[in-house]
Amino acid sequence: MRNARRHRPGLRGAATSMRADPRFKALPAEPATLLSEGRKIEAIKVLRSSNGIGLKEAKAWVDWHIEQDPMLRVQLETQQRATRRKIFLWFLLIDAAVAAGFIYYFFVRGTV
């Protein structure tokens, strides 16, 4: 085991893992508010325009902010589920209307 790294007891490894990520800082007020409202894409757009950064950097910054706040992550997931449910119900309504149109056209109108 010549290449194995020796483990030194103490807080040396723990102290380095507890530091804040130096790449990102707290979000400005407007993108943070948009993010808390569940408007992630708008938060990224505002962050890009206000700080003059690229899409990749803004998205990474917002994703990092979401990872740091577990309650925000749960809130965003809940809002996404509600949005998906609304979209599913709209598609179900449209499918029912199309099916009713076919039934009317082929069965009711065809007998007249």
N, C-alpha and C. Protein backbone atom coordinates (compact mmCIF):
# COMPACT_ATOMS: atom_id res chain seq x y z
N MET A 1 0.82 -1.18 0.00
CA MET A 1 0.00 0.00 0.00
C MET A 1 0.87 1.25 0.00
N ARG A 2 1.74 1.34 -0.92
CA ARG A 2 2.63 2.49 -0.99
C ARG A 2 1.89 3.74 -1.44
N ASN A 3 0.87 3.58 -2.31
CA ASN A 3 0.17 4.74 -2.85
C ASN A 3 -1.01 5.18 -1.98
N ALA A 4 -1.34 4.41 -0.95
CA ALA A 4 -2.48 4.76 -0.11
C ALA A 4 -2.15 6.00 0.71
N ARG A 5 -3.11 6.86 0.82
CA ARG A 5 -2.93 8.09 1.57
C ARG A 5 -3.22 7.83 3.04
N ARG A 6 -2.38 8.35 3.89
CA ARG A 6 -2.57 8.15 5.31
C ARG A 6 -3.69 9.04 5.82
N HIS A 7 -4.48 8.48 6.69
CA HIS A 7 -5.57 9.22 7.31
C HIS A 7 -5.05 9.83 8.61
N ARG A 8 -5.16 11.13 8.70
CA ARG A 8 -4.75 11.80 9.92
C ARG A 8 -5.98 12.14 10.74
N PRO A 9 -6.02 11.75 11.98
CA PRO A 9 -7.18 12.07 12.81
C PRO A 9 -7.26 13.55 13.09
N GLY A 10 -8.47 14.01 13.32
CA GLY A 10 -8.66 15.41 13.65
C GLY A 10 -9.72 16.05 12.77
N LEU A 11 -9.79 17.34 12.82
CA LEU A 11 -10.81 18.08 12.09
C LEU A 11 -10.31 18.66 10.78
N ARG A 12 -9.19 18.25 10.34
CA ARG A 12 -8.63 18.84 9.12
C ARG A 12 -9.56 18.68 7.92
N GLY A 13 -10.04 17.47 7.67
CA GLY A 13 -10.95 17.24 6.53
C GLY A 13 -12.31 17.84 6.75
N ALA A 14 -12.81 17.81 7.99
CA ALA A 14 -14.13 18.35 8.28
C ALA A 14 -14.16 19.87 8.13
N ALA A 15 -13.10 20.53 8.49
CA ALA A 15 -13.08 21.99 8.42
C ALA A 15 -13.13 22.47 6.98
N THR A 16 -12.48 21.75 6.08
CA THR A 16 -12.50 22.18 4.69
C THR A 16 -13.83 21.90 4.03
N SER A 17 -14.54 20.84 4.46
CA SER A 17 -15.81 20.53 3.82
C SER A 17 -16.94 21.43 4.32
N MET A 18 -16.74 22.15 5.41
CA MET A 18 -17.79 23.00 5.95
C MET A 18 -17.75 24.42 5.38
N ARG A 19 -16.76 24.75 4.63
CA ARG A 19 -16.67 26.09 4.06
C ARG A 19 -17.73 26.31 2.99
N ALA A 20 -18.11 27.56 2.84
CA ALA A 20 -19.08 27.91 1.80
C ALA A 20 -18.41 27.85 0.44
N ASP A 21 -19.18 27.55 -0.57
CA ASP A 21 -18.67 27.49 -1.92
C ASP A 21 -18.26 28.90 -2.36
N PRO A 22 -16.99 29.12 -2.66
CA PRO A 22 -16.55 30.49 -2.98
C PRO A 22 -17.02 30.99 -4.34
N ARG A 23 -17.53 30.10 -5.19
CA ARG A 23 -17.94 30.55 -6.52
C ARG A 23 -19.21 31.38 -6.49
N PHE A 24 -20.06 31.12 -5.52
CA PHE A 24 -21.36 31.77 -5.51
C PHE A 24 -21.58 32.50 -4.19
N LYS A 25 -22.39 33.52 -4.26
CA LYS A 25 -22.82 34.23 -3.06
C LYS A 25 -24.34 34.25 -3.09
N ALA A 26 -24.94 34.88 -2.10
CA ALA A 26 -26.40 34.93 -2.04
C ALA A 26 -26.97 35.63 -3.28
N LEU A 27 -28.14 35.20 -3.68
CA LEU A 27 -28.80 35.81 -4.83
C LEU A 27 -29.26 37.23 -4.51
N PRO A 28 -29.25 38.12 -5.51
CA PRO A 28 -29.84 39.45 -5.30
C PRO A 28 -31.33 39.32 -5.01
N ALA A 29 -31.93 40.39 -4.55
CA ALA A 29 -33.32 40.36 -4.07
C ALA A 29 -34.33 39.94 -5.14
N GLU A 30 -34.23 40.55 -6.34
CA GLU A 30 -35.25 40.27 -7.37
C GLU A 30 -35.22 38.82 -7.84
N PRO A 31 -34.05 38.24 -8.20
CA PRO A 31 -34.06 36.83 -8.58
C PRO A 31 -34.47 35.90 -7.44
N ALA A 32 -34.12 36.24 -6.20
CA ALA A 32 -34.52 35.41 -5.06
C ALA A 32 -36.03 35.42 -4.88
N THR A 33 -36.65 36.59 -5.08
CA THR A 33 -38.11 36.69 -4.98
C THR A 33 -38.78 35.89 -6.09
N LEU A 34 -38.28 36.02 -7.31
CA LEU A 34 -38.85 35.24 -8.43
C LEU A 34 -38.70 33.75 -8.18
N LEU A 35 -37.58 33.35 -7.63
CA LEU A 35 -37.35 31.93 -7.36
C LEU A 35 -38.29 31.43 -6.27
N SER A 36 -38.55 32.24 -5.27
CA SER A 36 -39.47 31.82 -4.21
C SER A 36 -40.91 31.74 -4.72
N GLU A 37 -41.21 32.45 -5.81
CA GLU A 37 -42.53 32.37 -6.42
C GLU A 37 -42.63 31.20 -7.39
N GLY A 38 -41.53 30.48 -7.59
CA GLY A 38 -41.54 29.34 -8.49
C GLY A 38 -41.23 29.69 -9.93
N ARG A 39 -40.73 30.88 -10.18
CA ARG A 39 -40.45 31.33 -11.54
C ARG A 39 -38.94 31.26 -11.78
N LYS A 40 -38.45 30.04 -11.94
CA LYS A 40 -37.01 29.79 -12.05
C LYS A 40 -36.42 30.40 -13.32
N ILE A 41 -37.10 30.25 -14.43
CA ILE A 41 -36.58 30.76 -15.70
C ILE A 41 -36.47 32.28 -15.67
N GLU A 42 -37.50 32.95 -15.12
CA GLU A 42 -37.45 34.40 -15.02
C GLU A 42 -36.33 34.85 -14.09
N ALA A 43 -36.10 34.08 -13.01
CA ALA A 43 -35.01 34.41 -12.08
C ALA A 43 -33.66 34.33 -12.78
N ILE A 44 -33.49 33.33 -13.63
CA ILE A 44 -32.23 33.19 -14.38
C ILE A 44 -32.08 34.35 -15.35
N LYS A 45 -33.15 34.74 -16.03
CA LYS A 45 -33.09 35.86 -16.98
C LYS A 45 -32.72 37.16 -16.28
N VAL A 46 -33.35 37.43 -15.14
CA VAL A 46 -33.05 38.66 -14.40
C VAL A 46 -31.63 38.64 -13.89
N LEU A 47 -31.18 37.50 -13.41
CA LEU A 47 -29.81 37.38 -12.91
C LEU A 47 -28.80 37.62 -14.03
N ARG A 48 -29.08 37.10 -15.22
CA ARG A 48 -28.19 37.32 -16.37
C ARG A 48 -28.12 38.80 -16.72
N SER A 49 -29.27 39.45 -16.80
CA SER A 49 -29.27 40.85 -17.23
C SER A 49 -28.70 41.78 -16.16
N SER A 50 -28.96 41.49 -14.90
CA SER A 50 -28.48 42.40 -13.85
C SER A 50 -26.99 42.24 -13.57
N ASN A 51 -26.45 41.04 -13.73
CA ASN A 51 -25.03 40.82 -13.43
C ASN A 51 -24.16 40.70 -14.67
N GLY A 52 -24.76 40.63 -15.83
CA GLY A 52 -23.99 40.54 -17.06
C GLY A 52 -23.22 39.24 -17.19
N ILE A 53 -23.84 38.13 -16.80
CA ILE A 53 -23.19 36.82 -16.89
C ILE A 53 -23.91 35.97 -17.92
N GLY A 54 -23.30 34.87 -18.29
CA GLY A 54 -23.88 33.99 -19.28
C GLY A 54 -24.96 33.09 -18.71
N LEU A 55 -25.62 32.38 -19.61
CA LEU A 55 -26.71 31.49 -19.21
C LEU A 55 -26.21 30.37 -18.31
N LYS A 56 -25.09 29.78 -18.67
CA LYS A 56 -24.55 28.66 -17.90
C LYS A 56 -24.22 29.09 -16.46
N GLU A 57 -23.59 30.25 -16.31
CA GLU A 57 -23.22 30.73 -14.98
C GLU A 57 -24.46 31.08 -14.16
N ALA A 58 -25.44 31.72 -14.79
CA ALA A 58 -26.65 32.11 -14.07
C ALA A 58 -27.43 30.87 -13.62
N LYS A 59 -27.53 29.88 -14.51
CA LYS A 59 -28.25 28.65 -14.15
C LYS A 59 -27.52 27.92 -13.03
N ALA A 60 -26.20 27.87 -13.08
CA ALA A 60 -25.44 27.21 -12.02
C ALA A 60 -25.62 27.95 -10.69
N TRP A 61 -25.66 29.27 -10.73
CA TRP A 61 -25.84 30.06 -9.53
C TRP A 61 -27.22 29.79 -8.90
N VAL A 62 -28.26 29.78 -9.74
CA VAL A 62 -29.61 29.52 -9.24
C VAL A 62 -29.72 28.09 -8.71
N ASP A 63 -29.15 27.12 -9.44
CA ASP A 63 -29.19 25.73 -8.97
C ASP A 63 -28.45 25.57 -7.65
N TRP A 64 -27.33 26.26 -7.50
CA TRP A 64 -26.59 26.21 -6.25
C TRP A 64 -27.43 26.78 -5.11
N HIS A 65 -28.12 27.89 -5.39
CA HIS A 65 -28.98 28.51 -4.38
C HIS A 65 -30.10 27.56 -3.96
N ILE A 66 -30.67 26.84 -4.92
CA ILE A 66 -31.74 25.88 -4.61
C ILE A 66 -31.19 24.73 -3.77
N GLU A 67 -29.99 24.26 -4.10
CA GLU A 67 -29.38 23.17 -3.32
C GLU A 67 -29.11 23.59 -1.89
N GLN A 68 -28.81 24.86 -1.65
CA GLN A 68 -28.49 25.33 -0.31
C GLN A 68 -29.73 25.49 0.57
N ASP A 69 -30.89 25.61 -0.04
CA ASP A 69 -32.13 25.83 0.72
C ASP A 69 -33.10 24.67 0.48
N PRO A 70 -33.14 23.68 1.39
CA PRO A 70 -34.00 22.52 1.16
C PRO A 70 -35.49 22.86 1.10
N MET A 71 -35.92 23.85 1.86
CA MET A 71 -37.34 24.23 1.82
C MET A 71 -37.71 24.82 0.46
N LEU A 72 -36.82 25.59 -0.12
CA LEU A 72 -37.06 26.15 -1.45
C LEU A 72 -37.15 25.04 -2.48
N ARG A 73 -36.28 24.04 -2.36
CA ARG A 73 -36.32 22.91 -3.28
C ARG A 73 -37.66 22.18 -3.20
N VAL A 74 -38.14 21.95 -1.99
CA VAL A 74 -39.44 21.28 -1.82
C VAL A 74 -40.56 22.14 -2.38
N GLN A 75 -40.49 23.44 -2.14
CA GLN A 75 -41.51 24.36 -2.66
C GLN A 75 -41.54 24.34 -4.19
N LEU A 76 -40.37 24.37 -4.82
CA LEU A 76 -40.31 24.34 -6.29
C LEU A 76 -40.83 23.02 -6.84
N GLU A 77 -40.49 21.91 -6.18
CA GLU A 77 -40.99 20.61 -6.64
C GLU A 77 -42.50 20.53 -6.53
N THR A 78 -43.06 21.08 -5.45
CA THR A 78 -44.52 21.08 -5.28
C THR A 78 -45.18 21.92 -6.36
N GLN A 79 -44.61 23.07 -6.66
CA GLN A 79 -45.18 23.92 -7.71
C GLN A 79 -45.07 23.26 -9.08
N GLN A 80 -43.97 22.56 -9.34
CA GLN A 80 -43.83 21.86 -10.61
C GLN A 80 -44.85 20.74 -10.74
N ARG A 81 -45.10 20.01 -9.65
CA ARG A 81 -46.12 18.96 -9.68
C ARG A 81 -47.50 19.54 -9.97
N ALA A 82 -47.82 20.68 -9.35
CA ALA A 82 -49.12 21.32 -9.59
C ALA A 82 -49.24 21.76 -11.04
N THR A 83 -48.17 22.29 -11.60
CA THR A 83 -48.18 22.72 -13.01
C THR A 83 -48.38 21.53 -13.93
N ARG A 84 -47.66 20.43 -13.65
CA ARG A 84 -47.83 19.22 -14.47
C ARG A 84 -49.26 18.69 -14.38
N ARG A 85 -49.85 18.75 -13.19
CA ARG A 85 -51.21 18.28 -13.01
C ARG A 85 -52.18 19.13 -13.83
N LYS A 86 -51.99 20.46 -13.85
CA LYS A 86 -52.85 21.33 -14.65
C LYS A 86 -52.72 21.03 -16.13
N ILE A 87 -51.50 20.82 -16.59
CA ILE A 87 -51.28 20.50 -18.01
C ILE A 87 -51.96 19.19 -18.36
N PHE A 88 -51.83 18.19 -17.48
CA PHE A 88 -52.47 16.90 -17.72
C PHE A 88 -53.98 17.05 -17.79
N LEU A 89 -54.57 17.84 -16.90
CA LEU A 89 -56.02 18.03 -16.93
C LEU A 89 -56.48 18.75 -18.19
N TRP A 90 -55.69 19.72 -18.67
CA TRP A 90 -56.03 20.39 -19.94
C TRP A 90 -56.00 19.40 -21.10
N PHE A 91 -54.97 18.56 -21.16
CA PHE A 91 -54.92 17.56 -22.22
C PHE A 91 -56.08 16.58 -22.12
N LEU A 92 -56.45 16.21 -20.91
CA LEU A 92 -57.58 15.32 -20.72
C LEU A 92 -58.87 15.97 -21.20
N LEU A 93 -59.05 17.25 -20.92
CA LEU A 93 -60.23 17.98 -21.37
C LEU A 93 -60.27 18.07 -22.89
N ILE A 94 -59.13 18.36 -23.50
CA ILE A 94 -59.07 18.45 -24.97
C ILE A 94 -59.36 17.08 -25.60
N ASP A 95 -58.80 16.01 -25.01
CA ASP A 95 -59.07 14.67 -25.54
C ASP A 95 -60.55 14.32 -25.42
N ALA A 96 -61.18 14.70 -24.32
CA ALA A 96 -62.61 14.43 -24.15
C ALA A 96 -63.43 15.20 -25.19
N ALA A 97 -63.05 16.43 -25.48
CA ALA A 97 -63.77 17.22 -26.48
C ALA A 97 -63.60 16.62 -27.88
N VAL A 98 -62.40 16.17 -28.20
CA VAL A 98 -62.16 15.54 -29.51
C VAL A 98 -62.95 14.24 -29.62
N ALA A 99 -62.95 13.44 -28.54
CA ALA A 99 -63.71 12.19 -28.55
C ALA A 99 -65.20 12.46 -28.71
N ALA A 100 -65.72 13.48 -28.03
CA ALA A 100 -67.13 13.84 -28.16
C ALA A 100 -67.44 14.29 -29.59
N GLY A 101 -66.51 15.02 -30.20
CA GLY A 101 -66.70 15.43 -31.58
C GLY A 101 -66.75 14.25 -32.54
N PHE A 102 -65.87 13.28 -32.35
CA PHE A 102 -65.89 12.07 -33.18
C PHE A 102 -67.19 11.29 -32.98
N ILE A 103 -67.60 11.14 -31.75
CA ILE A 103 -68.84 10.40 -31.47
C ILE A 103 -70.02 11.11 -32.12
N TYR A 104 -70.08 12.41 -31.98
CA TYR A 104 -71.17 13.16 -32.61
C TYR A 104 -71.14 13.02 -34.12
N TYR A 105 -69.96 13.16 -34.72
CA TYR A 105 -69.85 13.14 -36.18
C TYR A 105 -70.20 11.77 -36.75
N PHE A 106 -69.69 10.71 -36.14
CA PHE A 106 -69.88 9.38 -36.73
C PHE A 106 -71.18 8.71 -36.32
N PHE A 107 -71.70 8.99 -35.13
CA PHE A 107 -72.88 8.26 -34.68
C PHE A 107 -74.15 9.10 -34.73
N VAL A 108 -74.11 10.32 -34.26
CA VAL A 108 -75.33 11.13 -34.22
C VAL A 108 -75.61 11.74 -35.58
N ARG A 109 -74.63 12.33 -36.18
CA ARG A 109 -74.81 13.00 -37.46
C ARG A 109 -75.01 11.99 -38.59
N GLY A 110 -74.35 10.85 -38.46
CA GLY A 110 -74.47 9.83 -39.51
C GLY A 110 -75.86 9.21 -39.60
N THR A 111 -76.64 9.22 -38.53
CA THR A 111 -77.96 8.61 -38.54
C THR A 111 -79.02 9.56 -39.06
N VAL A 112 -78.72 10.85 -39.12
CA VAL A 112 -79.72 11.83 -39.55
C VAL A 112 -79.83 11.86 -41.03
